[in-house]
N, C-alpha and C. Protein backbone atom coordinates (compact mmCIF):
# COMPACT_ATOMS: atom_id res chain seq x y z
N MET A 1 106.23 89.88 95.04
CA MET A 1 105.02 90.00 95.80
C MET A 1 105.89 90.58 97.33
N TYR A 2 105.45 90.61 97.66
CA TYR A 2 106.31 91.28 99.49
C TYR A 2 105.58 90.25 100.15
N SER A 3 106.31 90.01 101.53
CA SER A 3 105.44 88.29 102.79
C SER A 3 105.20 89.80 104.13
N ASN A 4 105.86 90.21 103.75
CA ASN A 4 106.59 90.78 105.16
C ASN A 4 106.49 92.26 105.08
N ILE A 5 105.09 93.26 105.06
CA ILE A 5 105.13 94.79 105.26
C ILE A 5 105.10 95.43 106.16
N LEU A 6 106.15 96.40 106.75
CA LEU A 6 105.75 97.64 107.90
C LEU A 6 105.47 98.48 107.47
N ILE A 7 104.39 99.19 107.76
CA ILE A 7 103.66 100.53 107.21
C ILE A 7 104.11 101.53 109.04
N PRO A 8 104.93 102.70 108.75
CA PRO A 8 105.23 102.95 110.24
C PRO A 8 104.24 104.36 109.71
N MET A 9 103.17 104.86 111.68
CA MET A 9 102.29 105.15 111.99
C MET A 9 102.17 106.10 112.32
N ASP A 10 101.77 107.37 111.88
CA ASP A 10 101.99 109.05 112.69
C ASP A 10 100.52 108.93 112.95
N PRO A 11 99.98 109.02 114.24
CA PRO A 11 98.68 109.16 114.79
C PRO A 11 98.44 110.63 113.77
N ASP A 12 98.96 111.06 114.16
CA ASP A 12 98.59 112.54 114.03
C ASP A 12 98.53 113.31 112.68
N HIS A 13 98.70 111.85 111.92
CA HIS A 13 98.33 112.04 109.72
C HIS A 13 97.55 110.20 109.65
N ALA A 14 96.76 110.43 111.39
CA ALA A 14 95.73 109.14 110.32
C ALA A 14 95.39 108.75 109.47
N ASP A 15 94.71 109.71 108.98
CA ASP A 15 94.42 109.56 107.41
C ASP A 15 94.88 109.07 105.79
N LEU A 16 96.90 108.57 106.09
CA LEU A 16 97.46 109.19 105.52
C LEU A 16 97.34 106.91 105.55
N PHE A 17 97.50 106.30 106.46
CA PHE A 17 97.02 104.87 106.86
C PHE A 17 96.67 104.10 105.75
N GLY A 18 95.29 104.55 106.18
CA GLY A 18 94.11 103.79 105.20
C GLY A 18 94.42 103.54 103.13
N ALA A 19 95.12 104.39 103.28
CA ALA A 19 95.35 104.94 100.98
C ALA A 19 97.49 103.73 101.55
N GLN A 20 97.37 103.74 102.35
CA GLN A 20 98.91 102.83 102.74
C GLN A 20 98.58 101.65 102.79
N VAL A 21 97.68 101.57 104.17
CA VAL A 21 97.39 99.38 103.15
C VAL A 21 96.37 99.27 102.35
N LYS A 22 95.65 100.20 101.49
CA LYS A 22 95.13 99.93 100.34
C LYS A 22 96.62 98.98 98.92
N ALA A 23 97.99 99.90 99.41
CA ALA A 23 98.64 99.74 97.67
C ALA A 23 99.72 98.46 99.09
N ALA A 24 99.68 98.74 100.27
CA ALA A 24 99.80 97.31 101.33
C ALA A 24 99.54 96.04 100.98
N ARG A 25 98.47 95.62 100.32
CA ARG A 25 96.99 94.95 99.97
C ARG A 25 97.49 94.61 98.10
N ARG A 26 97.76 95.02 97.67
CA ARG A 26 97.91 95.17 96.40
C ARG A 26 99.18 94.55 96.44
N LEU A 27 99.53 94.60 96.92
CA LEU A 27 101.40 94.01 97.36
C LEU A 27 102.46 92.69 97.84
N LEU A 28 101.18 92.35 98.50
CA LEU A 28 101.16 91.38 99.79
C LEU A 28 101.23 90.28 98.86
N SER A 29 101.66 89.16 99.20
CA SER A 29 101.67 87.86 98.62
C SER A 29 100.81 87.20 99.24
N PRO A 30 99.67 85.66 99.07
CA PRO A 30 99.78 85.30 99.89
C PRO A 30 99.58 84.70 101.22
N GLY A 31 98.91 84.96 102.07
CA GLY A 31 99.70 84.81 103.65
C GLY A 31 100.39 85.82 104.28
N GLY A 32 100.34 86.76 103.40
CA GLY A 32 102.32 87.66 104.07
C GLY A 32 101.45 88.21 105.37
N THR A 33 102.67 89.14 106.04
CA THR A 33 101.64 89.74 107.40
C THR A 33 102.26 91.35 106.90
N ILE A 34 100.40 92.84 107.58
CA ILE A 34 101.34 93.84 107.17
C ILE A 34 101.15 93.49 109.47
N SER A 35 102.54 94.31 108.49
CA SER A 35 102.56 95.25 110.39
C SER A 35 102.87 96.74 110.94
N THR A 36 102.41 97.31 112.34
CA THR A 36 102.61 98.71 111.53
C THR A 36 103.79 99.30 113.08
N LEU A 37 104.08 100.29 113.00
CA LEU A 37 105.35 100.40 113.95
C LEU A 37 104.95 102.74 114.26
N TYR A 38 104.65 102.99 115.47
CA TYR A 38 103.73 103.73 115.77
C TYR A 38 105.88 103.87 116.86
N VAL A 39 106.44 105.63 116.75
CA VAL A 39 107.32 105.92 116.50
C VAL A 39 107.20 107.56 118.45
N ASN A 40 107.19 107.47 119.45
CA ASN A 40 107.55 108.67 119.52
C ASN A 40 108.97 108.93 119.98
N GLN A 41 108.87 109.76 119.51
CA GLN A 41 109.78 110.77 119.18
C GLN A 41 109.91 111.67 120.32
N ASN A 42 109.01 111.82 121.60
CA ASN A 42 108.77 113.46 122.20
C ASN A 42 110.80 112.70 124.04
N TYR A 43 111.15 111.71 123.69
CA TYR A 43 111.46 111.73 124.56
C TYR A 43 113.06 112.39 124.59
N VAL A 44 113.34 111.87 123.35
CA VAL A 44 114.82 112.06 122.21
C VAL A 44 115.37 113.50 122.38
N HIS A 45 115.02 114.49 123.06
CA HIS A 45 115.59 115.26 123.15
C HIS A 45 115.79 115.51 125.05
N HIS A 46 114.66 114.76 125.33
CA HIS A 46 114.14 115.54 126.69
C HIS A 46 115.11 114.77 127.42
N VAL A 47 115.07 115.67 128.81
CA VAL A 47 116.02 115.57 130.16
C VAL A 47 115.68 114.60 130.65
N LEU A 48 114.63 113.59 130.54
CA LEU A 48 114.15 112.82 131.46
C LEU A 48 114.22 110.75 130.24
N ALA A 49 115.17 111.61 129.48
CA ALA A 49 115.31 110.28 129.16
C ALA A 49 115.82 109.35 128.99
N ALA A 50 117.25 109.68 129.43
CA ALA A 50 117.91 109.02 129.77
C ALA A 50 117.59 107.47 130.87
N THR A 51 115.99 108.81 131.43
CA THR A 51 115.89 108.17 133.51
C THR A 51 115.01 107.55 132.61
N SER A 52 114.11 107.53 131.30
CA SER A 52 112.51 107.30 132.27
C SER A 52 112.52 105.90 131.66
N SER A 53 111.12 105.04 132.48
CA SER A 53 111.26 104.12 132.46
C SER A 53 111.19 103.48 131.53
N GLU A 54 110.58 102.35 130.15
CA GLU A 54 110.44 101.88 129.21
C GLU A 54 108.66 101.82 129.03
N ARG A 55 107.98 101.60 130.28
CA ARG A 55 106.90 101.42 130.71
C ARG A 55 106.34 101.96 129.51
N PRO A 56 105.14 101.94 128.75
CA PRO A 56 104.22 103.42 128.65
C PRO A 56 103.67 104.36 129.74
N THR A 57 103.45 105.09 129.41
CA THR A 57 102.99 106.47 130.44
C THR A 57 101.40 106.37 129.75
N GLU A 58 100.76 106.89 130.36
CA GLU A 58 99.06 106.69 129.80
C GLU A 58 98.49 107.47 129.19
N ILE A 59 99.82 108.47 128.74
CA ILE A 59 99.18 109.23 127.44
C ILE A 59 99.78 107.83 126.51
N GLU A 60 100.34 107.46 126.44
CA GLU A 60 101.39 106.25 125.11
C GLU A 60 100.24 105.47 125.12
N GLN A 61 99.87 105.41 125.90
CA GLN A 61 98.61 104.00 126.23
C GLN A 61 97.84 104.44 125.50
N ALA A 62 97.21 105.87 125.23
CA ALA A 62 96.06 106.07 125.06
C ALA A 62 96.37 105.85 123.32
N ILE A 63 97.86 106.69 123.09
CA ILE A 63 97.85 106.96 121.79
C ILE A 63 98.19 104.99 120.97
N LEU A 64 98.80 104.91 122.01
CA LEU A 64 98.35 102.91 121.33
C LEU A 64 97.30 102.66 121.51
N GLN A 65 96.00 102.87 121.79
CA GLN A 65 95.39 101.84 122.08
C GLN A 65 93.68 102.70 120.41
N GLN A 66 94.98 104.02 120.07
CA GLN A 66 93.78 104.68 119.32
C GLN A 66 95.39 103.83 117.61
N VAL A 67 96.59 103.45 117.73
CA VAL A 67 96.98 102.88 116.79
C VAL A 67 96.28 101.37 116.01
N LYS A 68 96.94 101.06 118.00
CA LYS A 68 96.11 99.70 117.41
C LYS A 68 94.46 99.73 116.68
N ALA A 69 93.70 100.61 117.41
CA ALA A 69 91.97 100.35 116.61
C ALA A 69 92.19 101.00 115.00
N LEU A 70 93.12 101.60 114.85
CA LEU A 70 92.62 102.20 113.53
C LEU A 70 93.67 100.81 113.00
N PHE A 71 94.16 100.01 113.06
CA PHE A 71 95.68 98.96 112.39
C PHE A 71 94.69 97.70 112.51
N GLU A 72 93.20 97.60 113.36
CA GLU A 72 92.09 96.83 113.31
C GLU A 72 90.42 97.31 112.61
N ALA A 73 91.82 98.13 112.26
CA ALA A 73 89.30 99.16 111.30
C ALA A 73 90.57 98.93 109.75
N GLU A 74 91.67 98.70 109.53
CA GLU A 74 91.71 98.56 108.45
C GLU A 74 92.44 96.70 107.72
N VAL A 75 93.04 96.33 108.42
CA VAL A 75 93.79 95.57 108.03
C VAL A 75 93.37 95.06 108.42
N PRO A 76 93.03 93.47 106.79
CA PRO A 76 92.09 92.32 107.52
C PRO A 76 92.56 91.46 108.25
N LYS A 77 91.96 91.33 109.39
CA LYS A 77 92.59 89.30 110.20
C LYS A 77 93.84 88.58 110.16
N GLU A 78 93.70 88.23 108.42
CA GLU A 78 93.92 87.10 107.73
C GLU A 78 95.78 87.71 107.75
N GLN A 79 95.54 89.47 108.06
CA GLN A 79 96.41 89.92 106.80
C GLN A 79 98.01 90.81 107.76
N ARG A 80 96.63 90.89 109.31
CA ARG A 80 98.00 90.68 110.27
C ARG A 80 98.99 90.42 110.75
N GLY A 81 99.50 91.82 111.14
CA GLY A 81 100.53 91.41 111.56
C GLY A 81 100.34 91.57 113.11
N HIS A 82 101.69 92.65 113.23
CA HIS A 82 101.62 93.31 114.90
C HIS A 82 101.78 94.63 114.82
N VAL A 83 101.22 95.30 115.30
CA VAL A 83 101.18 96.48 115.88
C VAL A 83 102.54 96.76 117.03
N TYR A 84 103.81 98.01 116.43
CA TYR A 84 104.88 98.61 117.38
C TYR A 84 105.27 99.49 117.58
N SER A 85 105.66 99.32 118.87
CA SER A 85 105.79 100.13 119.57
C SER A 85 106.95 100.86 120.14
N ARG A 86 107.80 102.35 119.89
CA ARG A 86 109.06 102.74 119.95
C ARG A 86 109.03 104.32 120.42
N ARG A 87 109.71 104.14 121.08
CA ARG A 87 110.44 105.85 121.66
C ARG A 87 112.00 106.25 121.32
N GLY A 88 112.15 107.14 120.63
CA GLY A 88 113.39 107.19 120.14
C GLY A 88 112.95 107.84 118.45
N VAL A 89 114.38 108.03 117.64
CA VAL A 89 114.01 108.77 116.51
C VAL A 89 113.87 108.14 114.99
N VAL A 90 113.31 108.48 115.21
CA VAL A 90 111.35 107.94 113.83
C VAL A 90 112.38 106.96 112.96
N HIS A 91 113.44 107.56 112.28
CA HIS A 91 113.88 106.71 110.78
C HIS A 91 114.36 106.26 111.11
N ASP A 92 114.82 106.43 112.36
CA ASP A 92 116.05 105.37 113.46
C ASP A 92 115.87 103.98 113.72
N GLU A 93 113.77 104.25 114.95
CA GLU A 93 113.56 102.90 115.21
C GLU A 93 113.01 102.82 114.03
N ILE A 94 112.54 102.71 112.91
CA ILE A 94 111.69 102.18 111.85
C ILE A 94 112.56 101.24 111.07
N VAL A 95 113.88 102.01 110.82
CA VAL A 95 114.79 100.68 110.81
C VAL A 95 115.74 99.50 111.05
N LYS A 96 115.29 100.34 112.47
CA LYS A 96 115.81 98.42 113.49
C LYS A 96 114.84 97.85 113.52
N LYS A 97 113.39 98.83 113.60
CA LYS A 97 112.74 97.14 114.17
C LYS A 97 112.46 96.77 112.37
N ALA A 98 112.21 97.33 111.09
CA ALA A 98 112.34 96.26 109.45
C ALA A 98 112.75 95.42 109.85
N ARG A 99 114.78 95.66 110.52
CA ARG A 99 115.51 94.88 110.56
C ARG A 99 114.51 93.53 110.71
N LYS A 100 114.71 94.32 112.50
CA LYS A 100 115.26 92.85 113.15
C LYS A 100 113.80 91.89 112.77
N ILE A 101 112.73 92.63 112.45
CA ILE A 101 111.24 91.52 112.03
C ILE A 101 111.29 91.01 110.73
N GLY A 102 111.68 91.33 109.71
CA GLY A 102 112.42 90.98 108.29
C GLY A 102 112.21 90.87 107.10
N ALA A 103 110.93 92.72 107.99
CA ALA A 103 110.34 93.48 106.70
C ALA A 103 110.66 93.14 105.76
N ASP A 104 110.28 93.15 104.12
CA ASP A 104 110.61 93.40 103.12
C ASP A 104 110.23 94.07 102.03
N LEU A 105 109.26 95.30 102.55
CA LEU A 105 108.75 96.72 102.88
C LEU A 105 108.40 97.21 103.86
N ILE A 106 109.02 98.45 103.45
CA ILE A 106 107.89 99.41 104.06
C ILE A 106 107.42 100.96 103.14
N ILE A 107 106.33 100.90 103.30
CA ILE A 107 105.52 101.59 103.09
C ILE A 107 104.92 103.07 103.73
N MET A 108 105.48 104.51 103.34
CA MET A 108 106.01 105.29 103.65
C MET A 108 104.99 106.48 103.06
N ALA A 109 105.07 107.90 104.13
CA ALA A 109 104.67 108.75 102.89
C ALA A 109 105.76 109.98 102.50
N ALA A 110 105.95 111.27 101.05
CA ALA A 110 106.43 110.45 100.98
C ALA A 110 106.76 111.87 101.91
N CYS A 111 105.32 113.18 102.36
CA CYS A 111 105.52 113.87 102.98
C CYS A 111 103.68 113.89 103.77
N LYS A 112 103.88 114.39 104.80
CA LYS A 112 102.29 114.35 105.20
C LYS A 112 101.93 115.18 104.97
N LYS A 113 101.77 117.22 104.73
CA LYS A 113 101.69 118.39 104.66
C LYS A 113 100.83 117.91 103.47
N PRO A 114 99.56 118.40 102.43
CA PRO A 114 99.21 117.70 101.13
C PRO A 114 99.86 118.54 100.53
N LEU A 115 100.24 120.12 100.42
CA LEU A 115 100.34 120.69 99.07
C LEU A 115 102.35 120.33 99.21
N GLU A 116 102.94 120.10 100.05
CA GLU A 116 104.40 119.70 100.05
C GLU A 116 104.11 118.10 100.17
N ARG A 117 103.33 117.09 99.19
CA ARG A 117 103.94 115.31 99.05
C ARG A 117 103.92 115.81 97.49
N TYR A 118 105.11 116.15 96.72
CA TYR A 118 105.69 116.14 95.70
C TYR A 118 107.34 115.93 95.75
N PHE A 119 107.53 116.59 97.02
CA PHE A 119 108.55 115.76 97.70
C PHE A 119 108.95 115.13 98.73
N LEU A 120 109.96 114.49 100.10
CA LEU A 120 110.61 113.49 100.29
C LEU A 120 110.57 114.69 101.49
N GLY A 121 110.44 113.87 102.99
CA GLY A 121 110.20 113.69 103.98
C GLY A 121 111.21 113.89 104.57
N SER A 122 111.98 113.92 105.63
CA SER A 122 113.30 113.75 106.13
C SER A 122 112.91 112.25 106.90
N ASN A 123 111.83 112.33 107.69
CA ASN A 123 111.94 110.88 107.58
C ASN A 123 111.99 109.68 107.11
N THR A 124 111.31 110.17 106.36
CA THR A 124 111.00 109.44 104.61
C THR A 124 112.53 108.81 103.02
N ARG A 125 112.76 109.82 103.56
CA ARG A 125 114.25 110.57 102.88
C ARG A 125 115.79 109.47 103.23
N LYS A 126 115.12 109.63 104.97
CA LYS A 126 115.84 108.85 105.25
C LYS A 126 116.16 107.21 106.11
N VAL A 127 114.97 107.25 105.27
CA VAL A 127 114.15 105.64 105.60
C VAL A 127 114.57 104.95 103.79
N MET A 128 114.44 105.56 103.20
CA MET A 128 115.20 105.45 101.73
C MET A 128 116.29 104.95 102.31
N THR A 129 117.13 106.07 102.65
CA THR A 129 118.63 105.76 101.72
C THR A 129 119.50 104.62 102.88
N GLU A 130 119.06 104.14 104.46
CA GLU A 130 118.92 103.12 105.49
C GLU A 130 118.56 102.14 105.43
N ALA A 131 116.81 101.31 105.19
CA ALA A 131 116.89 100.28 105.18
C ALA A 131 117.36 98.84 104.74
N SER A 132 116.98 98.47 104.85
CA SER A 132 118.15 96.69 104.77
C SER A 132 116.78 96.50 103.04
N CYS A 133 115.47 96.93 103.30
CA CYS A 133 114.73 96.48 102.07
C CYS A 133 114.26 97.24 101.21
N SER A 134 113.20 96.87 100.33
CA SER A 134 112.88 98.26 99.22
C SER A 134 111.54 98.83 100.64
N VAL A 135 112.42 100.27 100.26
CA VAL A 135 111.01 101.82 100.55
C VAL A 135 110.51 102.00 99.55
N PHE A 136 108.55 101.92 99.63
CA PHE A 136 107.58 102.30 98.34
C PHE A 136 107.09 103.41 98.90
N VAL A 137 107.56 104.79 98.18
CA VAL A 137 106.79 106.29 98.92
C VAL A 137 105.18 106.21 97.98
N GLN A 138 104.73 106.62 99.11
CA GLN A 138 103.02 106.77 98.76
C GLN A 138 103.40 108.58 99.16
N ARG A 139 102.41 108.91 97.93
CA ARG A 139 102.84 110.35 97.71
C ARG A 139 100.81 111.32 97.44
């Protein structure tokens, strides 16, 4: 059983989040929490990345509101941790946030495309090799 579970969420593939929460709830110890992380990777190679404000843009705020709404709809109140948002390289930010919050489990999809779910996506593969906690990969 795990007490602090992190589920990275990609709003473009929000349909995967419900199944991930279901798995998290089965693996969650009594009194444990489930948190989610949205990583905006659009600034990674952008010219303005080094000079852009840490303050979220209007688009980021709208996406974060969608992430929060889905999180609140799927995760029961008594099991809710936090909704986090970062900018950067997806796998790096997931690993950093998991370490920072002391997550003992990360739950990720194998791949976002239905026909490719038998393969690991690059972010999932990198998180599996770099995370200091357990990683549950859902197909």
